[in-house]
Protein backbone atom coordinates (compact mmCIF):
# COMPACT_ATOMS: atom_id res chain seq x y z
CA UNK A 1 3.14 -12.39 -20.12
CA UNK A 2 2.21 -11.33 -16.62
CA UNK A 3 3.80 -8.49 -14.72
CA UNK A 4 3.54 -8.58 -10.95
CA UNK A 5 3.95 -5.49 -8.79
CA UNK A 6 4.26 -5.28 -5.03
CA UNK A 7 2.00 -2.43 -3.91
CA UNK A 8 2.64 -2.41 -0.14
CA UNK A 9 6.24 -2.55 1.09
CA UNK A 10 8.11 -1.13 4.11
CA UNK A 11 11.82 -0.40 4.47
CA UNK A 12 13.72 -0.11 7.71
CA UNK A 13 14.91 3.36 6.74
CA UNK A 14 11.51 4.99 7.20
CA UNK A 15 9.17 2.45 8.83
CA UNK A 16 9.91 1.77 12.49
CA UNK A 17 8.52 -1.75 12.02
CA UNK A 18 10.56 -2.41 8.87
CA UNK A 19 13.33 -5.00 8.99
CA UNK A 20 14.78 -4.81 5.48
CA UNK A 21 16.78 -2.05 3.79
CA UNK A 22 15.49 -0.78 0.48
CA UNK A 23 18.43 -2.12 -1.53
CA UNK A 24 18.01 -5.63 -0.15
CA UNK A 25 14.47 -5.98 -1.47
CA UNK A 26 15.55 -5.97 -5.12
CA UNK A 27 17.09 -9.47 -5.44
CA UNK A 28 14.47 -10.94 -3.09
CA UNK A 29 11.47 -9.55 -4.96
CA UNK A 30 12.95 -10.37 -8.37
CA UNK A 31 13.44 -13.96 -7.25
CA UNK A 32 9.78 -14.05 -6.22
CA UNK A 33 8.73 -13.10 -9.73
CA UNK A 34 7.93 -9.41 -9.32
CA UNK A 35 8.52 -6.90 -12.10
CA UNK A 36 8.61 -4.03 -9.63
CA UNK A 37 7.77 -2.67 -6.20
CA UNK A 38 6.08 0.38 -4.72
CA UNK A 39 7.76 1.57 -1.53
CA UNK A 40 4.99 2.60 0.87
CA UNK A 41 6.65 3.45 4.16
CA UNK A 42 4.66 4.62 7.17
CA UNK A 43 4.39 8.39 7.08
CA UNK A 44 4.94 10.75 10.00
CA UNK A 45 1.40 10.17 11.32
CA UNK A 46 2.05 6.44 11.64
CA UNK A 47 4.77 4.05 12.76
CA UNK A 48 7.53 6.08 11.18
CA UNK A 49 11.27 5.83 11.89
CA UNK A 50 12.02 9.46 10.99
CA UNK A 51 12.88 11.68 14.02
CA UNK A 52 10.22 14.27 14.73
CA UNK A 53 12.57 17.12 15.66
CA UNK A 54 14.13 17.62 12.24
CA UNK A 55 13.13 20.40 9.82
CA UNK A 56 10.38 19.33 7.42
CA UNK A 57 12.63 19.08 4.36
CA UNK A 58 15.10 16.88 6.22
CA UNK A 59 12.29 14.66 7.48
CA UNK A 60 10.98 14.20 3.93
CA UNK A 61 14.49 13.42 2.68
CA UNK A 62 14.96 10.79 5.41
CA UNK A 63 11.48 9.38 4.73
CA UNK A 64 12.26 8.86 1.04
CA UNK A 65 15.71 7.35 1.67
CA UNK A 66 14.51 3.74 1.59
CA UNK A 67 12.85 4.34 -1.77
CA UNK A 68 15.94 6.01 -3.22
CA UNK A 69 18.20 3.23 -1.99
CA UNK A 70 15.93 0.63 -3.59
CA UNK A 71 15.74 2.57 -6.85
CA UNK A 72 19.52 2.93 -6.97
CA UNK A 73 19.96 -0.79 -6.33
CA UNK A 74 17.62 -1.56 -9.25
CA UNK A 75 19.45 0.74 -11.67
CA UNK A 76 20.35 -1.10 -14.85
CA UNK A 77 18.01 -3.97 -14.08
CA UNK A 78 14.63 -4.68 -15.64
CA UNK A 79 12.86 -3.83 -12.40
CA UNK A 80 10.66 -0.85 -11.53
CA UNK A 81 10.80 0.97 -8.18
CA UNK A 82 8.06 3.52 -7.44
CA UNK A 83 7.32 5.84 -4.52
CA UNK A 84 4.16 6.13 -2.45
CA UNK A 85 2.96 6.85 1.08
CA UNK A 86 1.02 4.94 3.72
CA UNK A 87 -0.83 7.62 5.68
CA UNK A 88 -2.38 6.95 9.08
CA UNK A 89 -5.26 8.98 10.48
CA UNK A 90 -6.64 7.35 13.62
CA UNK A 91 -5.88 3.70 13.03
CA UNK A 92 -7.32 3.82 9.51
CA UNK A 93 -4.55 3.89 6.92
CA UNK A 94 -4.56 4.85 3.26
CA UNK A 95 -2.12 4.34 0.43
CA UNK A 96 -1.56 7.68 -1.29
CA UNK A 97 -0.68 6.58 -4.81
CA UNK A 98 0.34 9.42 -7.11
CA UNK A 99 2.03 11.83 -4.71
CA UNK A 100 5.79 12.38 -4.68
CA UNK A 101 8.50 14.00 -2.59
CA UNK A 102 7.81 17.44 -4.03
CA UNK A 103 4.17 17.08 -3.00
CA UNK A 104 5.28 16.23 0.53
CA UNK A 105 7.63 19.21 0.63
CA UNK A 106 4.87 21.52 -0.67
CA UNK A 107 2.34 20.22 1.88
CA UNK A 108 4.22 20.69 5.13
CA UNK A 109 0.93 20.94 7.04
CA UNK A 110 -0.44 17.64 5.74
CA UNK A 111 -0.17 15.92 9.12
CA UNK A 112 -2.67 18.40 10.56
CA UNK A 113 -5.22 17.93 7.78
CA UNK A 114 -8.37 15.86 8.18
CA UNK A 115 -9.29 12.98 5.90
CA UNK A 116 -11.30 15.03 3.41
CA UNK A 117 -8.58 17.67 3.05
CA UNK A 118 -5.87 15.06 2.50
CA UNK A 119 -8.11 13.43 -0.10
CA UNK A 120 -8.72 16.76 -1.83
CA UNK A 121 -4.99 17.45 -2.07
CA UNK A 122 -4.20 13.94 -3.29
CA UNK A 123 -6.83 14.26 -6.00
CA UNK A 124 -5.53 17.70 -6.91
CA UNK A 125 -2.12 16.07 -7.48
CA UNK A 126 -3.72 13.45 -9.74
CA UNK A 127 -3.45 10.68 -7.16
CA UNK A 128 -5.82 8.27 -5.46
CA UNK A 129 -6.47 7.12 -1.89
CA UNK A 130 -6.70 3.38 -1.34
CA UNK A 131 -7.93 2.15 2.03
CA UNK A 132 -5.32 -0.31 3.24
CA UNK A 133 -6.49 -3.43 5.12
CA UNK A 134 -9.80 -1.73 6.10
CA UNK A 135 -11.08 -4.52 8.39
CA UNK A 136 -7.80 -5.17 10.20
CA UNK A 137 -8.05 -6.10 13.88
CA UNK A 138 -4.88 -5.81 15.96
CA UNK A 139 -3.96 -5.11 19.55
CA UNK A 140 -2.93 -1.55 18.73
CA UNK A 141 -6.35 -0.79 17.20
CA UNK A 142 -9.63 -0.17 18.99
CA UNK A 143 -12.15 -0.10 16.15
CA UNK A 144 -12.61 -0.23 12.37
CA UNK A 145 -13.07 3.17 10.71
CA UNK A 146 -14.65 3.34 7.26
CA UNK A 147 -15.11 6.49 5.18
CA UNK A 148 -16.53 5.72 1.73
CA UNK A 149 -16.50 9.40 0.71
CA UNK A 150 -12.71 9.46 0.41
CA UNK A 151 -12.15 5.87 -0.69
CA UNK A 152 -11.06 5.61 -4.33
CA UNK A 153 -10.06 1.98 -3.95
CA UNK A 154 -9.69 -0.79 -1.38
CA UNK A 155 -6.87 -3.19 -0.63
CA UNK A 156 -8.87 -6.42 -0.67
CA UNK A 157 -5.92 -8.73 -0.16
CA UNK A 158 -3.25 -7.94 2.41
CA UNK A 159 -0.91 -10.88 2.97
CA UNK A 160 -0.38 -9.80 6.59
CA UNK A 161 -4.12 -9.91 7.34
CA UNK A 162 -6.23 -12.81 8.51
CA UNK A 163 -8.39 -14.33 5.78
CA UNK A 164 -11.70 -13.19 7.22
CA UNK A 165 -10.50 -9.61 7.49
CA UNK A 166 -9.53 -9.66 3.82
CA UNK A 167 -12.88 -11.20 2.92
CA UNK A 168 -14.74 -8.43 4.75
CA UNK A 169 -12.70 -5.88 2.79
CA UNK A 170 -13.58 -7.69 -0.42
CA UNK A 171 -17.30 -7.44 0.36
CA UNK A 172 -16.90 -3.77 1.26
CA UNK A 173 -15.21 -3.05 -2.06
CA UNK A 174 -17.98 -4.81 -3.95
CA UNK A 175 -20.60 -2.71 -2.16
CA UNK A 176 -18.78 0.52 -3.00
CA UNK A 177 -17.95 -0.63 -6.56
CA UNK A 178 -14.43 0.79 -6.41
CA UNK A 179 -11.19 -0.55 -7.86
CA UNK A 180 -9.26 -3.04 -5.76
CA UNK A 181 -5.62 -3.80 -4.95
CA UNK A 182 -3.54 -6.53 -3.34
CA UNK A 183 -0.20 -6.28 -1.58
CA UNK A 184 2.08 -8.11 0.80
CA UNK A 185 2.45 -5.40 3.47
CA UNK A 186 5.95 -6.82 3.63
CA UNK A 187 8.32 -5.81 6.45
CA UNK A 188 10.77 -8.73 6.37
CA UNK A 189 11.73 -11.70 4.22
CA UNK A 190 9.56 -14.81 4.58
CA UNK A 191 8.25 -17.76 2.62
CA UNK A 192 4.54 -17.28 3.32
CA UNK A 193 1.99 -15.99 0.84
CA UNK A 194 2.54 -12.58 -0.72
CA UNK A 195 0.25 -10.20 -2.57
CA UNK A 196 0.57 -8.36 -5.87
CA UNK A 197 -1.19 -6.58 -8.68
CA UNK A 198 -0.94 -8.44 -11.98
CA UNK A 199 -0.94 -6.55 -15.26
CA UNK A 200 -0.69 -7.71 -18.86
CA UNK A 201 1.82 -4.96 -19.61
CA UNK A 202 4.71 -3.30 -17.79
CA UNK A 203 3.95 -0.40 -15.45
CA UNK A 204 6.43 2.36 -16.23
CA UNK A 205 5.60 5.10 -13.70
CA UNK A 206 3.34 6.00 -10.80
CA UNK A 207 1.15 7.97 -13.20
CA UNK A 208 0.84 4.82 -15.27
CA UNK A 209 -0.03 2.78 -12.17
CA UNK A 210 -2.73 5.23 -11.06
CA UNK A 211 -4.24 5.29 -14.56
CA UNK A 212 -4.26 1.49 -14.66
CA UNK A 213 -6.00 1.33 -11.29
CA UNK A 214 -8.66 3.78 -12.39
CA UNK A 215 -9.20 1.77 -15.58
CA UNK A 216 -9.35 -1.43 -13.49
CA UNK A 217 -6.68 -3.05 -15.64
CA UNK A 218 -4.89 -4.84 -12.81
CA UNK A 219 -5.85 -8.10 -11.13
CA UNK A 220 -5.29 -8.47 -7.36
CA UNK A 221 -3.50 -11.78 -6.78
CA UNK A 222 -2.13 -13.94 -4.02
CA UNK A 223 1.38 -15.17 -4.78
CA UNK A 224 2.12 -18.60 -3.36
CA UNK A 225 5.06 -20.81 -4.37
CA UNK A 226 5.55 -18.77 -7.51
CA UNK A 227 1.92 -19.09 -8.62
CA UNK A 228 -0.27 -15.98 -8.88
CA UNK A 229 -3.89 -16.77 -8.03
CA UNK A 230 -6.57 -14.11 -8.59
CA UNK A 231 -8.03 -13.15 -5.24
CA UNK A 232 -11.59 -13.42 -6.49
CA UNK A 233 -10.95 -17.14 -7.09
CA UNK A 234 -9.97 -17.81 -3.46
CA UNK A 235 -13.05 -18.53 -1.39
CA UNK A 236 -11.52 -17.84 2.03
CA UNK A 237 -10.42 -14.40 0.82
CA UNK A 238 -13.82 -13.43 -0.57
CA UNK A 239 -16.43 -15.06 1.68
CA UNK A 240 -16.39 -13.90 5.30
CA UNK A 241 -17.07 -16.58 7.90
CA UNK A 242 -18.09 -14.09 10.62
CA UNK A 243 -18.71 -10.44 11.32
CA UNK A 244 -15.86 -8.25 12.63
CA UNK A 245 -15.31 -8.41 16.38
CA UNK A 246 -14.26 -4.74 16.50
CA UNK A 247 -16.87 -2.00 16.35
CA UNK A 248 -17.27 -0.56 12.85
CA UNK A 249 -17.37 3.25 12.84
CA UNK A 250 -18.70 4.95 9.71
CA UNK A 251 -17.25 8.41 9.25
């Protein structure tokens, strides 16, 4: 059997760009063939929907509300809902897999920390930092920032990215020899290609997911019309046709 997990998903409760409530993802993603999802809303340093003026504990509670709603909606079903964070620095974004709400509550200065300090604290918690869509080019970005020192893994397939940008990320991951992920970066329902991590066994917890990533058990796949295709078998996702047009800044 194959078990597909969405690793990059935004709810409208915590992501300002999200269009779907956490609870509404469950039937949609199950119908697409997923065994579970990881809710990765934009954190306070990014395009977050949580008001800035609230006390820290209330902000964290609001931030996690999409995850909790999704988890409650999946109760009693054979479907896993996990929590994570998409953390923005200066246009470069990382998935913080392995941190939880308590970690956020205990690190109320995390938004003021630089990349290395965030990485240190994530590692201290047993988590990993995965560079999301590293070669993305969008109107709200001005350059491409890469920092290998803090990169545990790379999202080589992002369904919301252009093919060439994914292919550049794939090459980058190969050069660094780090584990790789794939995700949809889903904000709304659509019938286009999606992304997922495929495992030969169920993933039971975030600790289990992090361990599987480190062991390189999962296979990044593109999900199209119900068929999961390994990313490394898709030429347009692995062979860049041109160099990035944005300046690449190595940090």
